[in-house]
Amino acid sequence: MKKKKQGKSNNQAEEKATLKDALNASVLEQLKKKQQQLKTEEEEKKAAAEQRKREERRQREKNKSFEELLNESSMDWKKFK
């Protein structure tokens, strides 16, 4: 039985040829560079979106009326009357 199990595992290893094994090194290197480039572009997009959101939030905060600021305040103004 042990011989059969070893034979199956050897066949499975041969059958489990990965894409990495099938591609030559230059194509694999190009794919890795492209993956890194796409990851970098995605991070830049996220950073730009976050910056834009911060700027929009700052502009909204800047343009609030006194009434809106007063309503958002957590202080109880009746205590100071």
N, C-alpha and C. Protein backbone atom coordinates (compact mmCIF):
# COMPACT_ATOMS: atom_id res chain seq x y z
N MET A 1 0.80 -1.21 0.00
CA MET A 1 0.00 0.00 0.00
C MET A 1 0.84 1.26 0.00
N LYS A 2 1.93 1.23 0.70
CA LYS A 2 2.78 2.40 0.74
C LYS A 2 3.29 2.77 -0.65
N LYS A 3 3.59 1.77 -1.44
CA LYS A 3 4.08 2.04 -2.78
C LYS A 3 3.02 2.74 -3.61
N LYS A 4 1.77 2.37 -3.46
CA LYS A 4 0.69 3.01 -4.21
C LYS A 4 0.52 4.47 -3.79
N LYS A 5 0.60 4.73 -2.50
CA LYS A 5 0.46 6.09 -2.01
C LYS A 5 1.59 6.98 -2.52
N GLN A 6 2.80 6.44 -2.52
CA GLN A 6 3.93 7.21 -3.01
C GLN A 6 3.79 7.46 -4.51
N GLY A 7 3.30 6.50 -5.22
CA GLY A 7 3.11 6.65 -6.65
C GLY A 7 2.08 7.73 -6.94
N LYS A 8 1.01 7.78 -6.17
CA LYS A 8 -0.02 8.80 -6.36
C LYS A 8 0.52 10.18 -6.04
N SER A 9 1.28 10.30 -4.99
CA SER A 9 1.80 11.62 -4.61
C SER A 9 2.78 12.13 -5.67
N ASN A 10 3.56 11.26 -6.26
CA ASN A 10 4.47 11.67 -7.33
C ASN A 10 3.69 12.13 -8.55
N ASN A 11 2.64 11.41 -8.88
CA ASN A 11 1.81 11.79 -10.03
C ASN A 11 1.11 13.12 -9.77
N GLN A 12 0.63 13.32 -8.56
CA GLN A 12 -0.04 14.57 -8.22
C GLN A 12 0.93 15.73 -8.30
N ALA A 13 2.15 15.54 -7.88
CA ALA A 13 3.15 16.60 -7.95
C ALA A 13 3.42 16.97 -9.40
N GLU A 14 3.49 15.97 -10.26
CA GLU A 14 3.71 16.23 -11.68
C GLU A 14 2.50 16.91 -12.30
N GLU A 15 1.30 16.54 -11.88
CA GLU A 15 0.07 17.12 -12.42
C GLU A 15 -0.15 18.55 -11.93
N LYS A 16 0.40 18.88 -10.79
CA LYS A 16 0.20 20.19 -10.19
C LYS A 16 1.21 21.20 -10.70
N ALA A 17 1.47 21.20 -11.96
CA ALA A 17 2.38 22.18 -12.54
C ALA A 17 1.70 23.54 -12.46
N THR A 18 2.38 24.50 -11.90
CA THR A 18 1.80 25.83 -11.73
C THR A 18 2.06 26.68 -12.95
N LEU A 19 1.35 27.77 -13.02
CA LEU A 19 1.54 28.72 -14.10
C LEU A 19 2.95 29.31 -14.05
N LYS A 20 3.45 29.49 -12.85
CA LYS A 20 4.80 30.02 -12.67
C LYS A 20 5.84 29.11 -13.34
N ASP A 21 5.61 27.82 -13.23
CA ASP A 21 6.54 26.88 -13.84
C ASP A 21 6.45 26.92 -15.36
N ALA A 22 5.26 27.15 -15.90
CA ALA A 22 5.05 27.14 -17.34
C ALA A 22 5.58 28.41 -18.01
N LEU A 23 5.57 29.54 -17.32
CA LEU A 23 6.02 30.80 -17.91
C LEU A 23 7.54 30.92 -17.84
N ASN A 24 8.09 31.58 -18.83
CA ASN A 24 9.53 31.81 -18.75
C ASN A 24 9.79 33.00 -17.82
N ALA A 25 11.00 33.18 -17.45
CA ALA A 25 11.36 34.17 -16.43
C ALA A 25 11.05 35.60 -16.85
N SER A 26 11.24 35.94 -18.11
CA SER A 26 11.01 37.32 -18.54
C SER A 26 9.53 37.69 -18.48
N VAL A 27 8.67 36.77 -18.88
CA VAL A 27 7.23 37.03 -18.82
C VAL A 27 6.79 37.15 -17.37
N LEU A 28 7.30 36.29 -16.54
CA LEU A 28 6.96 36.33 -15.11
C LEU A 28 7.41 37.65 -14.49
N GLU A 29 8.59 38.10 -14.85
CA GLU A 29 9.12 39.37 -14.33
C GLU A 29 8.25 40.54 -14.81
N GLN A 30 7.82 40.50 -16.06
CA GLN A 30 6.95 41.56 -16.58
C GLN A 30 5.62 41.59 -15.83
N LEU A 31 5.07 40.43 -15.55
CA LEU A 31 3.81 40.36 -14.82
C LEU A 31 3.96 40.90 -13.40
N LYS A 32 5.07 40.59 -12.76
CA LYS A 32 5.32 41.10 -11.42
C LYS A 32 5.46 42.61 -11.42
N LYS A 33 6.15 43.16 -12.43
CA LYS A 33 6.30 44.61 -12.53
C LYS A 33 4.94 45.27 -12.75
N LYS A 34 4.12 44.67 -13.61
CA LYS A 34 2.80 45.21 -13.89
C LYS A 34 1.93 45.16 -12.64
N GLN A 35 2.03 44.09 -11.88
CA GLN A 35 1.27 43.97 -10.64
C GLN A 35 1.68 45.06 -9.66
N GLN A 36 2.97 45.29 -9.52
CA GLN A 36 3.47 46.33 -8.62
C GLN A 36 3.02 47.71 -9.09
N GLN A 37 3.05 47.93 -10.40
CA GLN A 37 2.62 49.21 -10.95
C GLN A 37 1.13 49.44 -10.67
N LEU A 38 0.32 48.43 -10.87
CA LEU A 38 -1.12 48.57 -10.62
C LEU A 38 -1.39 48.81 -9.14
N LYS A 39 -0.63 48.16 -8.28
CA LYS A 39 -0.79 48.35 -6.84
C LYS A 39 -0.43 49.78 -6.45
N THR A 40 0.64 50.31 -7.03
CA THR A 40 1.07 51.67 -6.77
C THR A 40 0.02 52.67 -7.24
N GLU A 41 -0.52 52.45 -8.45
CA GLU A 41 -1.56 53.33 -8.97
C GLU A 41 -2.80 53.31 -8.09
N GLU A 42 -3.17 52.14 -7.59
CA GLU A 42 -4.34 52.03 -6.71
C GLU A 42 -4.12 52.79 -5.41
N GLU A 43 -2.91 52.69 -4.85
CA GLU A 43 -2.60 53.42 -3.62
C GLU A 43 -2.65 54.93 -3.86
N GLU A 44 -2.16 55.38 -5.02
CA GLU A 44 -2.19 56.80 -5.35
C GLU A 44 -3.63 57.29 -5.50
N LYS A 45 -4.48 56.47 -6.12
CA LYS A 45 -5.89 56.85 -6.26
C LYS A 45 -6.56 56.96 -4.90
N LYS A 46 -6.27 56.02 -4.03
CA LYS A 46 -6.86 56.06 -2.68
C LYS A 46 -6.39 57.29 -1.93
N ALA A 47 -5.11 57.61 -2.04
CA ALA A 47 -4.57 58.79 -1.35
C ALA A 47 -5.20 60.07 -1.91
N ALA A 48 -5.37 60.14 -3.22
CA ALA A 48 -5.98 61.32 -3.83
C ALA A 48 -7.44 61.45 -3.40
N ALA A 49 -8.16 60.35 -3.34
CA ALA A 49 -9.55 60.38 -2.91
C ALA A 49 -9.66 60.82 -1.46
N GLU A 50 -8.77 60.32 -0.62
CA GLU A 50 -8.77 60.70 0.80
C GLU A 50 -8.46 62.19 0.95
N GLN A 51 -7.51 62.68 0.19
CA GLN A 51 -7.16 64.10 0.23
C GLN A 51 -8.35 64.96 -0.21
N ARG A 52 -9.03 64.52 -1.26
CA ARG A 52 -10.20 65.25 -1.76
C ARG A 52 -11.31 65.28 -0.70
N LYS A 53 -11.54 64.15 -0.04
CA LYS A 53 -12.56 64.10 1.01
C LYS A 53 -12.21 65.03 2.16
N ARG A 54 -10.92 65.05 2.55
CA ARG A 54 -10.50 65.94 3.63
C ARG A 54 -10.72 67.40 3.25
N GLU A 55 -10.40 67.73 2.01
CA GLU A 55 -10.58 69.11 1.55
C GLU A 55 -12.05 69.49 1.51
N GLU A 56 -12.91 68.58 1.04
CA GLU A 56 -14.34 68.86 1.02
C GLU A 56 -14.88 69.04 2.43
N ARG A 57 -14.43 68.21 3.36
CA ARG A 57 -14.86 68.31 4.76
C ARG A 57 -14.41 69.64 5.36
N ARG A 58 -13.18 70.04 5.03
CA ARG A 58 -12.67 71.31 5.53
C ARG A 58 -13.48 72.49 4.98
N GLN A 59 -13.82 72.42 3.71
CA GLN A 59 -14.62 73.49 3.11
C GLN A 59 -16.02 73.55 3.71
N ARG A 60 -16.63 72.40 3.94
CA ARG A 60 -17.96 72.38 4.58
C ARG A 60 -17.89 72.99 5.97
N GLU A 61 -16.85 72.60 6.71
CA GLU A 61 -16.68 73.12 8.07
C GLU A 61 -16.45 74.62 8.04
N LYS A 62 -15.71 75.08 7.08
CA LYS A 62 -15.41 76.49 6.95
C LYS A 62 -16.66 77.31 6.62
N ASN A 63 -17.57 76.75 5.88
CA ASN A 63 -18.75 77.48 5.42
C ASN A 63 -19.98 77.30 6.31
N LYS A 64 -19.83 76.69 7.46
CA LYS A 64 -20.97 76.51 8.35
C LYS A 64 -21.38 77.84 8.97
N SER A 65 -22.67 77.94 9.16
CA SER A 65 -23.19 79.15 9.79
C SER A 65 -23.02 79.03 11.31
N PHE A 66 -23.21 80.15 11.98
CA PHE A 66 -23.11 80.14 13.44
C PHE A 66 -24.15 79.22 14.05
N GLU A 67 -25.35 79.22 13.47
CA GLU A 67 -26.43 78.37 13.99
C GLU A 67 -26.04 76.89 13.90
N GLU A 68 -25.45 76.46 12.79
CA GLU A 68 -25.04 75.07 12.64
C GLU A 68 -23.94 74.72 13.64
N LEU A 69 -23.00 75.62 13.83
CA LEU A 69 -21.94 75.37 14.81
C LEU A 69 -22.51 75.28 16.22
N LEU A 70 -23.46 76.14 16.52
CA LEU A 70 -24.09 76.14 17.84
C LEU A 70 -24.87 74.86 18.07
N ASN A 71 -25.57 74.39 17.06
CA ASN A 71 -26.35 73.15 17.19
C ASN A 71 -25.45 71.93 17.35
N GLU A 72 -24.28 71.96 16.77
CA GLU A 72 -23.36 70.83 16.87
C GLU A 72 -22.57 70.84 18.17
N SER A 73 -22.56 71.94 18.86
CA SER A 73 -21.80 72.05 20.09
C SER A 73 -22.39 71.15 21.16
N SER A 74 -21.52 70.50 21.93
CA SER A 74 -21.97 69.61 22.98
C SER A 74 -22.19 70.35 24.31
N MET A 75 -21.86 71.61 24.35
CA MET A 75 -22.00 72.38 25.59
C MET A 75 -23.47 72.73 25.81
N ASP A 76 -23.86 72.79 27.08
CA ASP A 76 -25.22 73.18 27.43
C ASP A 76 -25.19 74.67 27.69
N TRP A 77 -25.67 75.46 26.73
CA TRP A 77 -25.59 76.92 26.80
C TRP A 77 -26.52 77.50 27.88
N LYS A 78 -27.50 76.74 28.31
CA LYS A 78 -28.43 77.23 29.33
C LYS A 78 -27.73 77.40 30.69
N LYS A 79 -26.68 76.65 30.91
CA LYS A 79 -25.94 76.77 32.16
C LYS A 79 -25.23 78.10 32.29
N PHE A 80 -24.93 78.74 31.19
CA PHE A 80 -24.15 79.98 31.19
C PHE A 80 -25.02 81.23 31.16
N LYS A 81 -26.33 81.07 31.14
CA LYS A 81 -27.21 82.24 31.11
C LYS A 81 -27.28 82.91 32.46
